[in-house]
PDB file of N, CA and C in Angstrom:
ATOM      1  N   MET A   1     -16.103  -2.590  -6.338  1.00  0.00           N
ATOM      2  CA  MET A   1     -15.781  -1.180  -6.477  1.00  0.00           C
ATOM      3  C   MET A   1     -17.083  -0.384  -6.327  1.00  0.00           C
ATOM      4  N   ASN A   2     -17.054   0.568  -5.455  1.00  0.00           N
ATOM      5  CA  ASN A   2     -18.216   1.389  -5.174  1.00  0.00           C
ATOM      6  C   ASN A   2     -17.992   2.777  -5.787  1.00  0.00           C
ATOM      7  N   GLU A   3     -18.722   3.055  -6.852  1.00  0.00           N
ATOM      8  CA  GLU A   3     -18.544   4.327  -7.576  1.00  0.00           C
ATOM      9  C   GLU A   3     -18.813   5.539  -6.692  1.00  0.00           C
ATOM     10  N   ASP A   4     -19.819   5.456  -5.834  1.00  0.00           N
ATOM     11  CA  ASP A   4     -20.113   6.586  -4.945  1.00  0.00           C
ATOM     12  C   ASP A   4     -18.952   6.843  -3.982  1.00  0.00           C
ATOM     13  N   ARG A   5     -18.399   5.778  -3.464  1.00  0.00           N
ATOM     14  CA  ARG A   5     -17.263   5.926  -2.546  1.00  0.00           C
ATOM     15  C   ARG A   5     -16.056   6.497  -3.285  1.00  0.00           C
ATOM     16  N   ILE A   6     -15.835   6.046  -4.510  1.00  0.00           N
ATOM     17  CA  ILE A   6     -14.720   6.563  -5.314  1.00  0.00           C
ATOM     18  C   ILE A   6     -14.893   8.062  -5.545  1.00  0.00           C
ATOM     19  N   LYS A   7     -16.075   8.480  -5.907  1.00  0.00           N
ATOM     20  CA  LYS A   7     -16.332   9.908  -6.120  1.00  0.00           C
ATOM     21  C   LYS A   7     -16.128  10.706  -4.831  1.00  0.00           C
ATOM     22  N   MET A   8     -16.580  10.145  -3.734  1.00  0.00           N
ATOM     23  CA  MET A   8     -16.410  10.812  -2.444  1.00  0.00           C
ATOM     24  C   MET A   8     -14.926  10.961  -2.110  1.00  0.00           C
ATOM     25  N   LEU A   9     -14.158   9.893  -2.310  1.00  0.00           N
ATOM     26  CA  LEU A   9     -12.724   9.940  -2.012  1.00  0.00           C
ATOM     27  C   LEU A   9     -11.999  10.911  -2.937  1.00  0.00           C
ATOM     28  N   GLN A  10     -12.387  10.943  -4.201  1.00  0.00           N
ATOM     29  CA  GLN A  10     -11.789  11.907  -5.130  1.00  0.00           C
ATOM     30  C   GLN A  10     -12.080  13.339  -4.699  1.00  0.00           C
ATOM     31  N   LYS A  11     -13.275  13.571  -4.177  1.00  0.00           N
ATOM     32  CA  LYS A  11     -13.628  14.891  -3.657  1.00  0.00           C
ATOM     33  C   LYS A  11     -12.754  15.232  -2.451  1.00  0.00           C
ATOM     34  N   TYR A  12     -12.596  14.273  -1.544  1.00  0.00           N
ATOM     35  CA  TYR A  12     -11.748  14.498  -0.372  1.00  0.00           C
ATOM     36  C   TYR A  12     -10.314  14.801  -0.781  1.00  0.00           C
ATOM     37  N   ILE A  13      -9.823  14.097  -1.793  1.00  0.00           N
ATOM     38  CA  ILE A  13      -8.463  14.330  -2.275  1.00  0.00           C
ATOM     39  C   ILE A  13      -8.320  15.737  -2.830  1.00  0.00           C
ATOM     40  N   SER A  14      -9.325  16.187  -3.568  1.00  0.00           N
ATOM     41  CA  SER A  14      -9.243  17.548  -4.125  1.00  0.00           C
ATOM     42  C   SER A  14      -9.304  18.600  -3.019  1.00  0.00           C
ATOM     43  N   GLU A  15     -10.033  18.296  -1.944  1.00  0.00           N
ATOM     44  CA  GLU A  15     -10.144  19.233  -0.832  1.00  0.00           C
ATOM     45  C   GLU A  15      -8.919  19.201   0.082  1.00  0.00           C
ATOM     46  N   GLU A  16      -8.338  18.017   0.258  1.00  0.00           N
ATOM     47  CA  GLU A  16      -7.188  17.841   1.143  1.00  0.00           C
ATOM     48  C   GLU A  16      -6.132  16.973   0.448  1.00  0.00           C
ATOM     49  N   PRO A  17      -5.439  17.542  -0.531  1.00  0.00           N
ATOM     50  CA  PRO A  17      -4.490  16.742  -1.308  1.00  0.00           C
ATOM     51  C   PRO A  17      -3.287  16.227  -0.520  1.00  0.00           C
ATOM     52  N   ASN A  18      -3.032  16.787   0.649  1.00  0.00           N
ATOM     53  CA  ASN A  18      -1.884  16.363   1.445  1.00  0.00           C
ATOM     54  C   ASN A  18      -2.235  15.353   2.528  1.00  0.00           C
ATOM     55  N   ASP A  19      -3.459  14.842   2.510  1.00  0.00           N
ATOM     56  CA  ASP A  19      -3.871  13.815   3.467  1.00  0.00           C
ATOM     57  C   ASP A  19      -3.652  12.448   2.818  1.00  0.00           C
ATOM     58  N   PRO A  20      -2.647  11.694   3.267  1.00  0.00           N
ATOM     59  CA  PRO A  20      -2.348  10.423   2.611  1.00  0.00           C
ATOM     60  C   PRO A  20      -3.466   9.392   2.720  1.00  0.00           C
ATOM     61  N   PHE A  21      -4.254   9.462   3.780  1.00  0.00           N
ATOM     62  CA  PHE A  21      -5.308   8.458   3.949  1.00  0.00           C
ATOM     63  C   PHE A  21      -6.280   8.459   2.780  1.00  0.00           C
ATOM     64  N   ASN A  22      -6.670   9.622   2.306  1.00  0.00           N
ATOM     65  CA  ASN A  22      -7.632   9.684   1.213  1.00  0.00           C
ATOM     66  C   ASN A  22      -7.082   9.024  -0.054  1.00  0.00           C
ATOM     67  N   HIS A  23      -5.822   9.243  -0.348  1.00  0.00           N
ATOM     68  CA  HIS A  23      -5.182   8.625  -1.506  1.00  0.00           C
ATOM     69  C   HIS A  23      -5.108   7.104  -1.322  1.00  0.00           C
ATOM     70  N   TYR A  24      -4.718   6.700  -0.126  1.00  0.00           N
ATOM     71  CA  TYR A  24      -4.609   5.274   0.204  1.00  0.00           C
ATOM     72  C   TYR A  24      -5.982   4.600   0.111  1.00  0.00           C
ATOM     73  N   ALA A  25      -6.990   5.233   0.669  1.00  0.00           N
ATOM     74  CA  ALA A  25      -8.340   4.661   0.647  1.00  0.00           C
ATOM     75  C   ALA A  25      -8.850   4.518  -0.786  1.00  0.00           C
ATOM     76  N   LEU A  26      -8.540   5.481  -1.632  1.00  0.00           N
ATOM     77  CA  LEU A  26      -8.943   5.387  -3.037  1.00  0.00           C
ATOM     78  C   LEU A  26      -8.259   4.192  -3.693  1.00  0.00           C
ATOM     79  N   ALA A  27      -6.983   4.024  -3.462  1.00  0.00           N
ATOM     80  CA  ALA A  27      -6.257   2.879  -4.023  1.00  0.00           C
ATOM     81  C   ALA A  27      -6.880   1.569  -3.551  1.00  0.00           C
ATOM     82  N   CYS A  28      -7.176   1.489  -2.267  1.00  0.00           N
ATOM     83  CA  CYS A  28      -7.759   0.270  -1.708  1.00  0.00           C
ATOM     84  C   CYS A  28      -9.144  -0.013  -2.281  1.00  0.00           C
ATOM     85  N   GLU A  29      -9.847   1.020  -2.648  1.00  0.00           N
ATOM     86  CA  GLU A  29     -11.171   0.840  -3.235  1.00  0.00           C
ATOM     87  C   GLU A  29     -11.086   0.058  -4.554  1.00  0.00           C
ATOM     88  N   TYR A  30      -9.978   0.167  -5.237  1.00  0.00           N
ATOM     89  CA  TYR A  30      -9.802  -0.534  -6.508  1.00  0.00           C
ATOM     90  C   TYR A  30      -9.275  -1.958  -6.346  1.00  0.00           C
ATOM     91  N   LEU A  31      -8.777  -2.299  -5.164  1.00  0.00           N
ATOM     92  CA  LEU A  31      -8.294  -3.666  -4.942  1.00  0.00           C
ATOM     93  C   LEU A  31      -9.438  -4.645  -5.157  1.00  0.00           C
ATOM     94  N   GLY A  32      -9.168  -5.678  -5.941  1.00  0.00           N
ATOM     95  CA  GLY A  32     -10.188  -6.687  -6.201  1.00  0.00           C
ATOM     96  C   GLY A  32     -11.013  -6.433  -7.441  1.00  0.00           C
ATOM     97  N   SER A  33     -11.010  -5.200  -7.944  1.00  0.00           N
ATOM     98  CA  SER A  33     -11.800  -4.919  -9.143  1.00  0.00           C
ATOM     99  C   SER A  33     -10.945  -4.400 -10.292  1.00  0.00           C
ATOM    100  N   ASP A  34      -9.921  -3.624  -9.969  1.00  0.00           N
ATOM    101  CA  ASP A  34      -9.016  -3.094 -10.990  1.00  0.00           C
ATOM    102  C   ASP A  34      -7.623  -3.041 -10.379  1.00  0.00           C
ATOM    103  N   GLU A  35      -6.974  -4.205 -10.373  1.00  0.00           N
ATOM    104  CA  GLU A  35      -5.671  -4.336  -9.712  1.00  0.00           C
ATOM    105  C   GLU A  35      -4.618  -3.408 -10.308  1.00  0.00           C
ATOM    106  N   ALA A  36      -4.658  -3.194 -11.614  1.00  0.00           N
ATOM    107  CA  ALA A  36      -3.669  -2.314 -12.253  1.00  0.00           C
ATOM    108  C   ALA A  36      -3.836  -0.882 -11.751  1.00  0.00           C
ATOM    109  N   LYS A  37      -5.063  -0.436 -11.650  1.00  0.00           N
ATOM    110  CA  LYS A  37      -5.334   0.912 -11.137  1.00  0.00           C
ATOM    111  C   LYS A  37      -4.910   1.006  -9.669  1.00  0.00           C
ATOM    112  N   ALA A  38      -5.230  -0.031  -8.899  1.00  0.00           N
ATOM    113  CA  ALA A  38      -4.845  -0.051  -7.483  1.00  0.00           C
ATOM    114  C   ALA A  38      -3.325   0.009  -7.345  1.00  0.00           C
ATOM    115  N   LEU A  39      -2.620  -0.766  -8.160  1.00  0.00           N
ATOM    116  CA  LEU A  39      -1.165  -0.768  -8.098  1.00  0.00           C
ATOM    117  C   LEU A  39      -0.604   0.609  -8.415  1.00  0.00           C
ATOM    118  N   ASN A  40      -1.095   1.214  -9.461  1.00  0.00           N
ATOM    119  CA  ASN A  40      -0.642   2.551  -9.851  1.00  0.00           C
ATOM    120  C   ASN A  40      -0.870   3.554  -8.723  1.00  0.00           C
ATOM    121  N   LEU A  41      -2.048   3.529  -8.133  1.00  0.00           N
ATOM    122  CA  LEU A  41      -2.370   4.465  -7.058  1.00  0.00           C
ATOM    123  C   LEU A  41      -1.534   4.194  -5.808  1.00  0.00           C
ATOM    124  N   LEU A  42      -1.337   2.933  -5.468  1.00  0.00           N
ATOM    125  CA  LEU A  42      -0.512   2.606  -4.301  1.00  0.00           C
ATOM    126  C   LEU A  42       0.935   3.041  -4.503  1.00  0.00           C
ATOM    127  N   GLN A  43       1.442   2.886  -5.716  1.00  0.00           N
ATOM    128  CA  GLN A  43       2.804   3.345  -5.999  1.00  0.00           C
ATOM    129  C   GLN A  43       2.893   4.866  -5.855  1.00  0.00           C
ATOM    130  N   GLU A  44       1.853   5.568  -6.300  1.00  0.00           N
ATOM    131  CA  GLU A  44       1.834   7.021  -6.143  1.00  0.00           C
ATOM    132  C   GLU A  44       1.804   7.417  -4.672  1.00  0.00           C
ATOM    133  N   VAL A  45       1.017   6.712  -3.879  1.00  0.00           N
ATOM    134  CA  VAL A  45       0.937   7.022  -2.446  1.00  0.00           C
ATOM    135  C   VAL A  45       2.305   6.811  -1.798  1.00  0.00           C
ATOM    136  N   ALA A  46       2.952   5.692  -2.129  1.00  0.00           N
ATOM    137  CA  ALA A  46       4.268   5.407  -1.541  1.00  0.00           C
ATOM    138  C   ALA A  46       5.288   6.469  -1.941  1.00  0.00           C
ATOM    139  N   GLN A  47       5.159   6.984  -3.148  1.00  0.00           N
ATOM    140  CA  GLN A  47       6.099   8.003  -3.617  1.00  0.00           C
ATOM    141  C   GLN A  47       5.813   9.366  -2.976  1.00  0.00           C
ATOM    142  N   LYS A  48       4.548   9.750  -2.939  1.00  0.00           N
ATOM    143  CA  LYS A  48       4.172  11.068  -2.409  1.00  0.00           C
ATOM    144  C   LYS A  48       4.208  11.134  -0.884  1.00  0.00           C
ATOM    145  N   PHE A  49       3.894  10.010  -0.249  1.00  0.00           N
ATOM    146  CA  PHE A  49       3.782   9.972   1.213  1.00  0.00           C
ATOM    147  C   PHE A  49       4.590   8.779   1.752  1.00  0.00           C
ATOM    148  N   PRO A  50       5.911   8.830   1.656  1.00  0.00           N
ATOM    149  CA  PRO A  50       6.725   7.671   2.042  1.00  0.00           C
ATOM    150  C   PRO A  50       6.634   7.299   3.519  1.00  0.00           C
ATOM    151  N   ASP A  51       6.134   8.177   4.362  1.00  0.00           N
ATOM    152  CA  ASP A  51       5.995   7.873   5.785  1.00  0.00           C
ATOM    153  C   ASP A  51       4.627   7.304   6.149  1.00  0.00           C
ATOM    154  N   TYR A  52       3.763   7.088   5.142  1.00  0.00           N
ATOM    155  CA  TYR A  52       2.434   6.543   5.419  1.00  0.00           C
ATOM    156  C   TYR A  52       2.525   5.016   5.402  1.00  0.00           C
ATOM    157  N   LEU A  53       2.689   4.451   6.559  1.00  0.00           N
ATOM    158  CA  LEU A  53       2.998   3.038   6.748  1.00  0.00           C
ATOM    159  C   LEU A  53       1.981   2.053   6.153  1.00  0.00           C
ATOM    160  N   PRO A  54       0.676   2.273   6.257  1.00  0.00           N
ATOM    161  CA  PRO A  54      -0.257   1.264   5.741  1.00  0.00           C
ATOM    162  C   PRO A  54      -0.075   0.929   4.255  1.00  0.00           C
ATOM    163  N   THR A  55       0.497   1.822   3.508  1.00  0.00           N
ATOM    164  CA  THR A  55       0.658   1.625   2.071  1.00  0.00           C
ATOM    165  C   THR A  55       1.529   0.416   1.748  1.00  0.00           C
ATOM    166  N   TYR A  56       2.551   0.186   2.543  1.00  0.00           N
ATOM    167  CA  TYR A  56       3.577  -0.792   2.178  1.00  0.00           C
ATOM    168  C   TYR A  56       3.052  -2.225   2.098  1.00  0.00           C
ATOM    169  N   TYR A  57       2.205  -2.617   3.006  1.00  0.00           N
ATOM    170  CA  TYR A  57       1.673  -3.976   2.980  1.00  0.00           C
ATOM    171  C   TYR A  57       0.843  -4.203   1.715  1.00  0.00           C
ATOM    172  N   HIS A  58      -0.095  -3.310   1.453  1.00  0.00           N
ATOM    173  CA  HIS A  58      -0.972  -3.494   0.288  1.00  0.00           C
ATOM    174  C   HIS A  58      -0.214  -3.345  -1.028  1.00  0.00           C
ATOM    175  N   LEU A  59       0.747  -2.441  -1.071  1.00  0.00           N
ATOM    176  CA  LEU A  59       1.546  -2.283  -2.283  1.00  0.00           C
ATOM    177  C   LEU A  59       2.316  -3.570  -2.571  1.00  0.00           C
ATOM    178  N   ALA A  60       2.966  -4.115  -1.567  1.00  0.00           N
ATOM    179  CA  ALA A  60       3.728  -5.346  -1.768  1.00  0.00           C
ATOM    180  C   ALA A  60       2.817  -6.502  -2.176  1.00  0.00           C
ATOM    181  N   GLN A  61       1.676  -6.630  -1.531  1.00  0.00           N
ATOM    182  CA  GLN A  61       0.756  -7.715  -1.881  1.00  0.00           C
ATOM    183  C   GLN A  61       0.248  -7.570  -3.317  1.00  0.00           C
ATOM    184  N   THR A  62       0.006  -6.348  -3.742  1.00  0.00           N
ATOM    185  CA  THR A  62      -0.455  -6.123  -5.109  1.00  0.00           C
ATOM    186  C   THR A  62       0.665  -6.430  -6.103  1.00  0.00           C
ATOM    187  N   LEU A  63       1.883  -6.081  -5.758  1.00  0.00           N
ATOM    188  CA  LEU A  63       3.021  -6.430  -6.616  1.00  0.00           C
ATOM    189  C   LEU A  63       3.134  -7.945  -6.769  1.00  0.00           C
ATOM    190  N   ILE A  64       2.873  -8.675  -5.717  1.00  0.00           N
ATOM    191  CA  ILE A  64       2.907 -10.138  -5.783  1.00  0.00           C
ATOM    192  C   ILE A  64       1.870 -10.637  -6.791  1.00  0.00           C
ATOM    193  N   GLU A  65       0.697 -10.012  -6.787  1.00  0.00           N
ATOM    194  CA  GLU A  65      -0.350 -10.391  -7.746  1.00  0.00           C
ATOM    195  C   GLU A  65       0.128 -10.223  -9.195  1.00  0.00           C
ATOM    196  N   PHE A  66       1.010  -9.266  -9.414  1.00  0.00           N
ATOM    197  CA  PHE A  66       1.557  -9.021 -10.749  1.00  0.00           C
ATOM    198  C   PHE A  66       2.884  -9.768 -10.970  1.00  0.00           C
ATOM    199  N   GLU A  67       3.163 -10.711 -10.057  1.00  0.00           N
ATOM    200  CA  GLU A  67       4.366 -11.547 -10.131  1.00  0.00           C
ATOM    201  C   GLU A  67       5.653 -10.729 -10.122  1.00  0.00           C
ATOM    202  N   GLU A  68       5.640  -9.668  -9.350  1.00  0.00           N
ATOM    203  CA  GLU A  68       6.809  -8.797  -9.154  1.00  0.00           C
ATOM    204  C   GLU A  68       7.356  -9.041  -7.746  1.00  0.00           C
ATOM    205  N   GLU A  69       7.762 -10.301  -7.514  1.00  0.00           N
ATOM    206  CA  GLU A  69       8.158 -10.703  -6.165  1.00  0.00           C
ATOM    207  C   GLU A  69       9.378  -9.940  -5.642  1.00  0.00           C
ATOM    208  N   GLU A  70      10.377  -9.723  -6.486  1.00  0.00           N
ATOM    209  CA  GLU A  70      11.577  -9.017  -6.035  1.00  0.00           C
ATOM    210  C   GLU A  70      11.246  -7.584  -5.611  1.00  0.00           C
ATOM    211  N   GLU A  71      10.407  -6.932  -6.391  1.00  0.00           N
ATOM    212  CA  GLU A  71       9.987  -5.571  -6.030  1.00  0.00           C
ATOM    213  C   GLU A  71       9.157  -5.591  -4.746  1.00  0.00           C
ATOM    214  N   ALA A  72       8.319  -6.616  -4.606  1.00  0.00           N
ATOM    215  CA  ALA A  72       7.510  -6.748  -3.393  1.00  0.00           C
ATOM    216  C   ALA A  72       8.406  -6.914  -2.163  1.00  0.00           C
ATOM    217  N   LEU A  73       9.472  -7.716  -2.302  1.00  0.00           N
ATOM    218  CA  LEU A  73      10.402  -7.879  -1.185  1.00  0.00           C
ATOM    219  C   LEU A  73      11.017  -6.541  -0.790  1.00  0.00           C
ATOM    220  N   ALA A  74      11.392  -5.743  -1.785  1.00  0.00           N
ATOM    221  CA  ALA A  74      11.975  -4.425  -1.496  1.00  0.00           C
ATOM    222  C   ALA A  74      10.969  -3.525  -0.791  1.00  0.00           C
ATOM    223  N   VAL A  75       9.706  -3.591  -1.207  1.00  0.00           N
ATOM    224  CA  VAL A  75       8.663  -2.778  -0.565  1.00  0.00           C
ATOM    225  C   VAL A  75       8.457  -3.242   0.875  1.00  0.00           C
ATOM    226  N   PHE A  76       8.410  -4.559   1.083  1.00  0.00           N
ATOM    227  CA  PHE A  76       8.287  -5.061   2.457  1.00  0.00           C
ATOM    228  C   PHE A  76       9.442  -4.554   3.315  1.00  0.00           C
ATOM    229  N   LYS A  77      10.669  -4.594   2.788  1.00  0.00           N
ATOM    230  CA  LYS A  77      11.832  -4.136   3.547  1.00  0.00           C
ATOM    231  C   LYS A  77      11.724  -2.657   3.910  1.00  0.00           C
ATOM    232  N   LYS A  78      11.254  -1.833   2.971  1.00  0.00           N
ATOM    233  CA  LYS A  78      11.057  -0.409   3.271  1.00  0.00           C
ATOM    234  C   LYS A  78      10.006  -0.245   4.361  1.00  0.00           C
ATOM    235  N   GLY A  79       8.929  -1.009   4.255  1.00  0.00           N
ATOM    236  CA  GLY A  79       7.879  -0.942   5.265  1.00  0.00           C
ATOM    237  C   GLY A  79       8.359  -1.397   6.630  1.00  0.00           C
ATOM    238  N   ILE A  80       9.172  -2.445   6.655  1.00  0.00           N
ATOM    239  CA  ILE A  80       9.722  -2.942   7.921  1.00  0.00           C
ATOM    240  C   ILE A  80      10.595  -1.869   8.564  1.00  0.00           C
ATOM    241  N   ALA A  81      11.455  -1.252   7.774  1.00  0.00           N
ATOM    242  CA  ALA A  81      12.325  -0.193   8.309  1.00  0.00           C
ATOM    243  C   ALA A  81      11.493   0.975   8.840  1.00  0.00           C
ATOM    244  N   LEU A  82      10.447   1.344   8.115  1.00  0.00           N
ATOM    245  CA  LEU A  82       9.589   2.443   8.551  1.00  0.00           C
ATOM    246  C   LEU A  82       8.844   2.072   9.833  1.00  0.00           C
ATOM    247  N   ALA A  83       8.334   0.853   9.897  1.00  0.00           N
ATOM    248  CA  ALA A  83       7.618   0.406  11.100  1.00  0.00           C
ATOM    249  C   ALA A  83       8.542   0.404  12.310  1.00  0.00           C
ATOM    250  N   GLU A  84       9.789  -0.017  12.104  1.00  0.00           N
ATOM    251  CA  GLU A  84      10.757   0.020  13.200  1.00  0.00           C
ATOM    252  C   GLU A  84      11.007   1.456  13.637  1.00  0.00           C
ATOM    253  N   ASN A  85      11.175   2.334  12.669  1.00  0.00           N
ATOM    254  CA  ASN A  85      11.422   3.748  12.955  1.00  0.00           C
ATOM    255  C   ASN A  85      10.241   4.389  13.688  1.00  0.00           C
ATOM    256  N   GLN A  86       9.034   4.012  13.291  1.00  0.00           N
ATOM    257  CA  GLN A  86       7.826   4.571  13.913  1.00  0.00           C
ATOM    258  C   GLN A  86       7.431   3.823  15.187  1.00  0.00           C
ATOM    259  N   LYS A  87       8.168   2.760  15.491  1.00  0.00           N
ATOM    260  CA  LYS A  87       7.895   1.933  16.667  1.00  0.00           C
ATOM    261  C   LYS A  87       6.465   1.371  16.654  1.00  0.00           C
ATOM    262  N   ASN A  88       6.036   0.937  15.469  1.00  0.00           N
ATOM    263  CA  ASN A  88       4.710   0.362  15.288  1.00  0.00           C
ATOM    264  C   ASN A  88       4.852  -1.164  15.267  1.00  0.00           C
ATOM    265  N   GLU A  89       4.709  -1.771  16.437  1.00  0.00           N
ATOM    266  CA  GLU A  89       4.957  -3.204  16.601  1.00  0.00           C
ATOM    267  C   GLU A  89       3.986  -4.069  15.795  1.00  0.00           C
ATOM    268  N   LYS A  90       2.728  -3.679  15.745  1.00  0.00           N
ATOM    269  CA  LYS A  90       1.734  -4.483  15.016  1.00  0.00           C
ATOM    270  C   LYS A  90       2.066  -4.511  13.530  1.00  0.00           C
ATOM    271  N   ALA A  91       2.301  -3.360  12.942  1.00  0.00           N
ATOM    272  CA  ALA A  91       2.646  -3.301  11.516  1.00  0.00           C
ATOM    273  C   ALA A  91       3.967  -4.016  11.262  1.00  0.00           C
ATOM    274  N   LEU A  92       4.895  -3.872  12.175  1.00  0.00           N
ATOM    275  CA  LEU A  92       6.197  -4.535  12.028  1.00  0.00           C
ATOM    276  C   LEU A  92       6.018  -6.050  11.963  1.00  0.00           C
ATOM    277  N   ARG A  93       5.220  -6.607  12.861  1.00  0.00           N
ATOM    278  CA  ARG A  93       4.967  -8.057  12.842  1.00  0.00           C
ATOM    279  C   ARG A  93       4.305  -8.487  11.534  1.00  0.00           C
ATOM    280  N   GLU A  94       3.302  -7.730  11.080  1.00  0.00           N
ATOM    281  CA  GLU A  94       2.584  -8.085   9.856  1.00  0.00           C
ATOM    282  C   GLU A  94       3.509  -8.034   8.637  1.00  0.00           C
ATOM    283  N   LEU A  95       4.314  -6.988   8.546  1.00  0.00           N
ATOM    284  CA  LEU A  95       5.225  -6.847   7.415  1.00  0.00           C
ATOM    285  C   LEU A  95       6.308  -7.922   7.431  1.00  0.00           C
ATOM    286  N   LYS A  96       6.874  -8.197   8.601  1.00  0.00           N
ATOM    287  CA  LYS A  96       7.901  -9.234   8.696  1.00  0.00           C
ATOM    288  C   LYS A  96       7.332 -10.603   8.326  1.00  0.00           C
ATOM    289  N   SER A  97       6.142 -10.885   8.803  1.00  0.00           N
ATOM    290  CA  SER A  97       5.502 -12.165   8.509  1.00  0.00           C
ATOM    291  C   SER A  97       5.244 -12.310   7.002  1.00  0.00           C
ATOM    292  N   ALA A  98       4.703 -11.276   6.396  1.00  0.00           N
ATOM    293  CA  ALA A  98       4.419 -11.321   4.962  1.00  0.00           C
ATOM    294  C   ALA A  98       5.715 -11.443   4.160  1.00  0.00           C
ATOM    295  N   HIS A  99       6.751 -10.742   4.604  1.00  0.00           N
ATOM    296  CA  HIS A  99       8.056 -10.814   3.952  1.00  0.00           C
ATOM    297  C   HIS A  99       8.607 -12.242   4.028  1.00  0.00           C
ATOM    298  N   GLN A 100       8.558 -12.826   5.203  1.00  0.00           N
ATOM    299  CA  GLN A 100       9.042 -14.209   5.380  1.00  0.00           C
ATOM    300  C   GLN A 100       8.225 -15.209   4.559  1.00  0.00           C
ATOM    301  N   ASN A 101       6.925 -15.024   4.520  1.00  0.00           N
ATOM    302  CA  ASN A 101       6.077 -15.917   3.713  1.00  0.00           C
ATOM    303  C   ASN A 101       6.434 -15.837   2.235  1.00  0.00           C
ATOM    304  N   LEU A 102       6.680 -14.645   1.757  1.00  0.00           N
ATOM    305  CA  LEU A 102       7.063 -14.481   0.353  1.00  0.00           C
ATOM    306  C   LEU A 102       8.408 -15.136   0.084  1.00  0.00           C
ATOM    307  N   LEU A 103       9.364 -14.946   0.972  1.00  0.00           N
ATOM    308  CA  LEU A 103      10.664 -15.593   0.806  1.00  0.00           C
ATOM    309  C   LEU A 103      10.508 -17.122   0.756  1.00  0.00           C
ATOM    310  N   PHE A 104       9.652 -17.650   1.615  1.00  0.00           N
ATOM    311  CA  PHE A 104       9.419 -19.085   1.648  1.00  0.00           C
ATOM    312  C   PHE A 104       8.793 -19.573   0.341  1.00  0.00           C
ATOM    313  N   GLU A 105       7.839 -18.815  -0.191  1.00  0.00           N
ATOM    314  CA  GLU A 105       7.170 -19.192  -1.441  1.00  0.00           C
ATOM    315  C   GLU A 105       8.080 -19.114  -2.647  1.00  0.00           C
ATOM    316  N   MET A 106       9.063 -18.224  -2.572  1.00  0.00           N
ATOM    317  CA  MET A 106       9.981 -18.063  -3.702  1.00  0.00           C
ATOM    318  C   MET A 106      10.994 -19.200  -3.722  1.00  0.00           C
TER     319      MET A 106
END
C-alpha cells in the first residue's frame, strides 16, 4: 500500500467524484494490504458505477478471498453480462474463465 498514491487518488476522487477509475484505482491500491477495505471499496464502485466493467473481476476475486463463493459467482455473472453488452471480448473471456474455475473448485 502506497500512502502517497492513496492520498493522490483521494484527491482525484474529491475533484472528479463521477470518474469510476479513480474509485476503482483506490480500491485496487488496498488489495494485498487491507482486503476488507478493498472489498468495501470495490462493492461501492460496483454499486455507484455498475457499468464500470473492470470492477467485476477484482470484486469477485476478493469475495473468494473472504470465502463468499456464491456471491462471487453472482458478481462474475453480472460482469459476464456487462462484458457481452459492451462487446468486450477480452474481459468476457477473463470473466468466463474465472467463473468456470470457481465452479470447478467448488
